[in-house]
Amino acid sequence: MLSIVKILRKLFQRCEPQTQPDSIKKQESEYIGSILFSLTDKGDIDIICKIPETHTLSVDQLTSLAEKYAGFLHNINDGYLIDDIFAIIKNTNKTSIEQNEQDKLFLDNILFFWAVLHVEHNKRNDQKSKGSQPIVRPSEVFKLG
């Protein structure tokens, strides 16, 4: 049973980055699992799924945790968590005392560009909905002759 957990843990965990920020190391003991999204120098997205080695989970616990994370990713994809994520990033920027000025500037810029992209996205959706015509107009359906 223990070997299955180790195999699943290896499958779930990708290569770790060479250095990990101290804040992540501190928080690691507080979380059962995590998904870390990073951008590389080339602009590629790197995703690390990790369960801290301090936690030993059964296969059922791993499956349950994976299901929760899948639901979380689904909710992000469908936009259900956009307001929550925006609020968390905004609150993190305001309340974090440990951050250096570069981190605060980075978060400010993320919030700014996120707001700009959100406004542009809403404008595009409004223009699409205004310019679209129904395939069959209801008034034409009931015309006689």
C-alpha atoms as a PDB file:
ATOM      1  CA  MET A   1       0.000   0.000   0.000  1.00  0.00           C
ATOM      2  CA  LEU A   2       2.807   2.389   0.874  1.00  0.00           C
ATOM      3  CA  SER A   3       4.485   1.790  -2.479  1.00  0.00           C
ATOM      4  CA  ILE A   4       1.254   2.752  -4.288  1.00  0.00           C
ATOM      5  CA  VAL A   5       1.217   6.035  -2.366  1.00  0.00           C
ATOM      6  CA  LYS A   6       4.836   6.669  -3.339  1.00  0.00           C
ATOM      7  CA  ILE A   7       4.089   5.904  -7.000  1.00  0.00           C
ATOM      8  CA  LEU A   8       1.054   8.183  -7.000  1.00  0.00           C
ATOM      9  CA  ARG A   9       3.043  10.895  -5.262  1.00  0.00           C
ATOM     10  CA  LYS A  10       5.755  10.658  -7.942  1.00  0.00           C
ATOM     11  CA  LEU A  11       3.142  10.816 -10.694  1.00  0.00           C
ATOM     12  CA  PHE A  12       1.461  13.794  -9.062  1.00  0.00           C
ATOM     13  CA  GLN A  13       4.716  15.642  -8.423  1.00  0.00           C
ATOM     14  CA  ARG A  14       6.773  17.163 -11.223  1.00  0.00           C
ATOM     15  CA  CYS A  15      10.359  18.281 -10.982  1.00  0.00           C
ATOM     16  CA  GLU A  16      10.757  20.944  -8.354  1.00  0.00           C
ATOM     17  CA  PRO A  17      12.432  24.235  -9.218  1.00  0.00           C
ATOM     18  CA  GLN A  18      16.041  24.550  -8.094  1.00  0.00           C
ATOM     19  CA  THR A  19      15.206  27.171  -5.485  1.00  0.00           C
ATOM     20  CA  GLN A  20      11.942  27.608  -3.713  1.00  0.00           C
ATOM     21  CA  PRO A  21      10.965  30.887  -2.028  1.00  0.00           C
ATOM     22  CA  ASP A  22      11.071  30.784   1.781  1.00  0.00           C
ATOM     23  CA  SER A  23       7.423  31.834   1.944  1.00  0.00           C
ATOM     24  CA  ILE A  24       6.433  28.710   0.003  1.00  0.00           C
ATOM     25  CA  LYS A  25       8.611  26.522   2.222  1.00  0.00           C
ATOM     26  CA  LYS A  26       6.935  27.972   5.336  1.00  0.00           C
ATOM     27  CA  GLN A  27       3.448  27.499   3.934  1.00  0.00           C
ATOM     28  CA  GLU A  28       4.167  23.993   2.688  1.00  0.00           C
ATOM     29  CA  SER A  29       3.552  22.470   6.110  1.00  0.00           C
ATOM     30  CA  GLU A  30       0.132  24.162   6.295  1.00  0.00           C
ATOM     31  CA  TYR A  31      -1.209  22.674   3.051  1.00  0.00           C
ATOM     32  CA  ILE A  32      -2.010  19.113   2.095  1.00  0.00           C
ATOM     33  CA  GLY A  33      -1.322  19.747  -1.582  1.00  0.00           C
ATOM     34  CA  SER A  34      -0.605  22.583  -3.968  1.00  0.00           C
ATOM     35  CA  ILE A  35      -0.557  23.515  -7.617  1.00  0.00           C
ATOM     36  CA  LEU A  36       2.038  26.128  -8.531  1.00  0.00           C
ATOM     37  CA  PHE A  37       1.779  27.978 -11.849  1.00  0.00           C
ATOM     38  CA  SER A  38       4.970  29.686 -13.001  1.00  0.00           C
ATOM     39  CA  LEU A  39       6.131  31.448 -16.136  1.00  0.00           C
ATOM     40  CA  THR A  40       9.546  30.540 -17.481  1.00  0.00           C
ATOM     41  CA  ASP A  41      11.980  33.004 -19.059  1.00  0.00           C
ATOM     42  CA  LYS A  42      10.763  31.791 -22.467  1.00  0.00           C
ATOM     43  CA  GLY A  43       7.159  32.606 -21.575  1.00  0.00           C
ATOM     44  CA  ASP A  44       6.098  28.973 -21.153  1.00  0.00           C
ATOM     45  CA  ILE A  45       3.825  27.930 -18.315  1.00  0.00           C
ATOM     46  CA  ASP A  46       5.300  25.541 -15.778  1.00  0.00           C
ATOM     47  CA  ILE A  47       2.884  23.717 -13.479  1.00  0.00           C
ATOM     48  CA  ILE A  48       4.011  21.849 -10.392  1.00  0.00           C
ATOM     49  CA  CYS A  49       1.564  19.629  -8.527  1.00  0.00           C
ATOM     50  CA  LYS A  50       2.939  18.747  -5.138  1.00  0.00           C
ATOM     51  CA  ILE A  51       2.078  17.048  -1.904  1.00  0.00           C
ATOM     52  CA  PRO A  52       4.512  18.000   0.874  1.00  0.00           C
ATOM     53  CA  GLU A  53       6.645  15.085   2.007  1.00  0.00           C
ATOM     54  CA  THR A  54       5.548  15.759   5.575  1.00  0.00           C
ATOM     55  CA  HIS A  55       2.089  14.379   4.665  1.00  0.00           C
ATOM     56  CA  THR A  56       1.473  10.696   4.110  1.00  0.00           C
ATOM     57  CA  LEU A  57      -1.868  10.188   2.422  1.00  0.00           C
ATOM     58  CA  SER A  58      -3.774   7.022   1.659  1.00  0.00           C
ATOM     59  CA  VAL A  59      -4.908   6.272  -1.881  1.00  0.00           C
ATOM     60  CA  ASP A  60      -8.452   7.325  -0.919  1.00  0.00           C
ATOM     61  CA  GLN A  61      -7.175  10.625   0.496  1.00  0.00           C
ATOM     62  CA  LEU A  62      -5.104  11.245  -2.643  1.00  0.00           C
ATOM     63  CA  THR A  63      -8.112  10.529  -4.839  1.00  0.00           C
ATOM     64  CA  SER A  64     -10.346  12.812  -2.769  1.00  0.00           C
ATOM     65  CA  LEU A  65      -7.736  15.588  -2.843  1.00  0.00           C
ATOM     66  CA  ALA A  66      -7.271  15.221  -6.610  1.00  0.00           C
ATOM     67  CA  GLU A  67     -11.049  15.467  -7.084  1.00  0.00           C
ATOM     68  CA  LYS A  68     -11.149  18.690  -5.048  1.00  0.00           C
ATOM     69  CA  TYR A  69      -8.309  20.198  -7.084  1.00  0.00           C
ATOM     70  CA  ALA A  70      -9.994  19.161 -10.347  1.00  0.00           C
ATOM     71  CA  GLY A  71     -13.169  20.935  -9.164  1.00  0.00           C
ATOM     72  CA  PHE A  72     -11.097  23.962  -8.218  1.00  0.00           C
ATOM     73  CA  LEU A  73      -9.475  24.109 -11.678  1.00  0.00           C
ATOM     74  CA  HIS A  74     -12.878  23.639 -13.316  1.00  0.00           C
ATOM     75  CA  ASN A  75     -14.299  26.558 -11.314  1.00  0.00           C
ATOM     76  CA  ILE A  76     -11.347  28.750 -12.285  1.00  0.00           C
ATOM     77  CA  ASN A  77     -11.801  27.821 -15.943  1.00  0.00           C
ATOM     78  CA  ASP A  78     -15.527  28.626 -15.876  1.00  0.00           C
ATOM     79  CA  GLY A  79     -14.889  31.976 -14.182  1.00  0.00           C
ATOM     80  CA  TYR A  80     -16.699  31.146 -10.941  1.00  0.00           C
ATOM     81  CA  LEU A  81     -13.690  32.087  -8.806  1.00  0.00           C
ATOM     82  CA  ILE A  82     -12.492  35.160 -10.672  1.00  0.00           C
ATOM     83  CA  ASP A  83     -13.785  37.629  -8.091  1.00  0.00           C
ATOM     84  CA  ASP A  84     -12.388  35.553  -5.218  1.00  0.00           C
ATOM     85  CA  ILE A  85      -8.953  35.225  -6.814  1.00  0.00           C
ATOM     86  CA  PHE A  86      -8.865  38.938  -7.618  1.00  0.00           C
ATOM     87  CA  ALA A  87      -9.805  39.770  -4.000  1.00  0.00           C
ATOM     88  CA  ILE A  88      -7.177  37.388  -2.582  1.00  0.00           C
ATOM     89  CA  ILE A  89      -4.401  38.883  -4.724  1.00  0.00           C
ATOM     90  CA  LYS A  90      -5.562  42.398  -3.842  1.00  0.00           C
ATOM     91  CA  ASN A  91      -5.712  41.560  -0.133  1.00  0.00           C
ATOM     92  CA  THR A  92      -2.307  39.833  -0.256  1.00  0.00           C
ATOM     93  CA  ASN A  93      -0.775  42.959  -1.721  1.00  0.00           C
ATOM     94  CA  LYS A  94      -2.280  45.178   0.986  1.00  0.00           C
ATOM     95  CA  THR A  95      -1.607  42.994   4.020  1.00  0.00           C
ATOM     96  CA  SER A  96       1.733  41.353   3.342  1.00  0.00           C
ATOM     97  CA  ILE A  97       4.411  43.040   5.407  1.00  0.00           C
ATOM     98  CA  GLU A  98       7.153  40.580   4.407  1.00  0.00           C
ATOM     99  CA  GLN A  99       7.043  41.501   0.722  1.00  0.00           C
ATOM    100  CA  ASN A 100       9.755  43.614  -0.735  1.00  0.00           C
ATOM    101  CA  GLU A 101       8.963  46.577  -2.973  1.00  0.00           C
ATOM    102  CA  GLN A 102       9.545  44.588  -6.154  1.00  0.00           C
ATOM    103  CA  ASP A 103       6.939  41.975  -5.076  1.00  0.00           C
ATOM    104  CA  LYS A 104       4.427  44.697  -4.270  1.00  0.00           C
ATOM    105  CA  LEU A 105       5.030  46.383  -7.632  1.00  0.00           C
ATOM    106  CA  PHE A 106       4.663  43.003  -9.352  1.00  0.00           C
ATOM    107  CA  LEU A 107       1.300  42.361  -7.650  1.00  0.00           C
ATOM    108  CA  ASP A 108       0.107  45.895  -8.426  1.00  0.00           C
ATOM    109  CA  ASN A 109       0.905  45.338 -12.090  1.00  0.00           C
ATOM    110  CA  ILE A 110      -0.852  41.961 -12.115  1.00  0.00           C
ATOM    111  CA  LEU A 111      -3.974  43.589 -10.668  1.00  0.00           C
ATOM    112  CA  PHE A 112      -3.801  46.461 -13.159  1.00  0.00           C
ATOM    113  CA  PHE A 113      -3.373  44.272 -16.245  1.00  0.00           C
ATOM    114  CA  TRP A 114      -5.983  41.820 -14.997  1.00  0.00           C
ATOM    115  CA  ALA A 115      -8.489  44.673 -14.696  1.00  0.00           C
ATOM    116  CA  VAL A 116      -7.584  45.940 -18.188  1.00  0.00           C
ATOM    117  CA  LEU A 117      -7.996  42.470 -19.705  1.00  0.00           C
ATOM    118  CA  HIS A 118     -11.295  42.011 -17.876  1.00  0.00           C
ATOM    119  CA  VAL A 119     -12.671  45.293 -19.250  1.00  0.00           C
ATOM    120  CA  GLU A 120     -11.508  44.436 -22.785  1.00  0.00           C
ATOM    121  CA  HIS A 121     -13.077  40.979 -22.528  1.00  0.00           C
ATOM    122  CA  ASN A 122     -16.407  42.446 -21.384  1.00  0.00           C
ATOM    123  CA  LYS A 123     -16.362  44.987 -24.245  1.00  0.00           C
ATOM    124  CA  ARG A 124     -15.781  42.230 -26.805  1.00  0.00           C
ATOM    125  CA  ASN A 125     -18.621  40.160 -25.360  1.00  0.00           C
ATOM    126  CA  ASP A 126     -20.964  43.175 -25.403  1.00  0.00           C
ATOM    127  CA  GLN A 127     -20.096  43.922 -29.042  1.00  0.00           C
ATOM    128  CA  LYS A 128     -20.659  40.307 -30.034  1.00  0.00           C
ATOM    129  CA  SER A 129     -24.058  40.173 -28.351  1.00  0.00           C
ATOM    130  CA  LYS A 130     -25.201  43.509 -29.866  1.00  0.00           C
ATOM    131  CA  GLY A 131     -24.098  42.667 -33.395  1.00  0.00           C
ATOM    132  CA  SER A 132     -25.490  39.180 -33.548  1.00  0.00           C
ATOM    133  CA  GLN A 133     -28.704  38.584 -35.402  1.00  0.00           C
ATOM    134  CA  PRO A 134     -30.964  35.620 -34.732  1.00  0.00           C
ATOM    135  CA  ILE A 135     -30.881  32.937 -37.409  1.00  0.00           C
ATOM    136  CA  VAL A 136     -34.663  32.977 -37.714  1.00  0.00           C
ATOM    137  CA  ARG A 137     -36.503  36.133 -36.775  1.00  0.00           C
ATOM    138  CA  PRO A 138     -39.631  35.434 -34.731  1.00  0.00           C
ATOM    139  CA  SER A 139     -41.690  37.868 -36.867  1.00  0.00           C
ATOM    140  CA  GLU A 140     -40.828  35.874 -40.002  1.00  0.00           C
ATOM    141  CA  VAL A 141     -41.937  32.583 -38.512  1.00  0.00           C
ATOM    142  CA  PHE A 142     -45.564  33.689 -38.296  1.00  0.00           C
ATOM    143  CA  LYS A 143     -45.841  35.393 -41.704  1.00  0.00           C
ATOM    144  CA  LEU A 144     -48.573  33.953 -43.833  1.00  0.00           C
ATOM    145  CA  GLY A 145     -47.951  33.538 -47.523  1.00  0.00           C
END
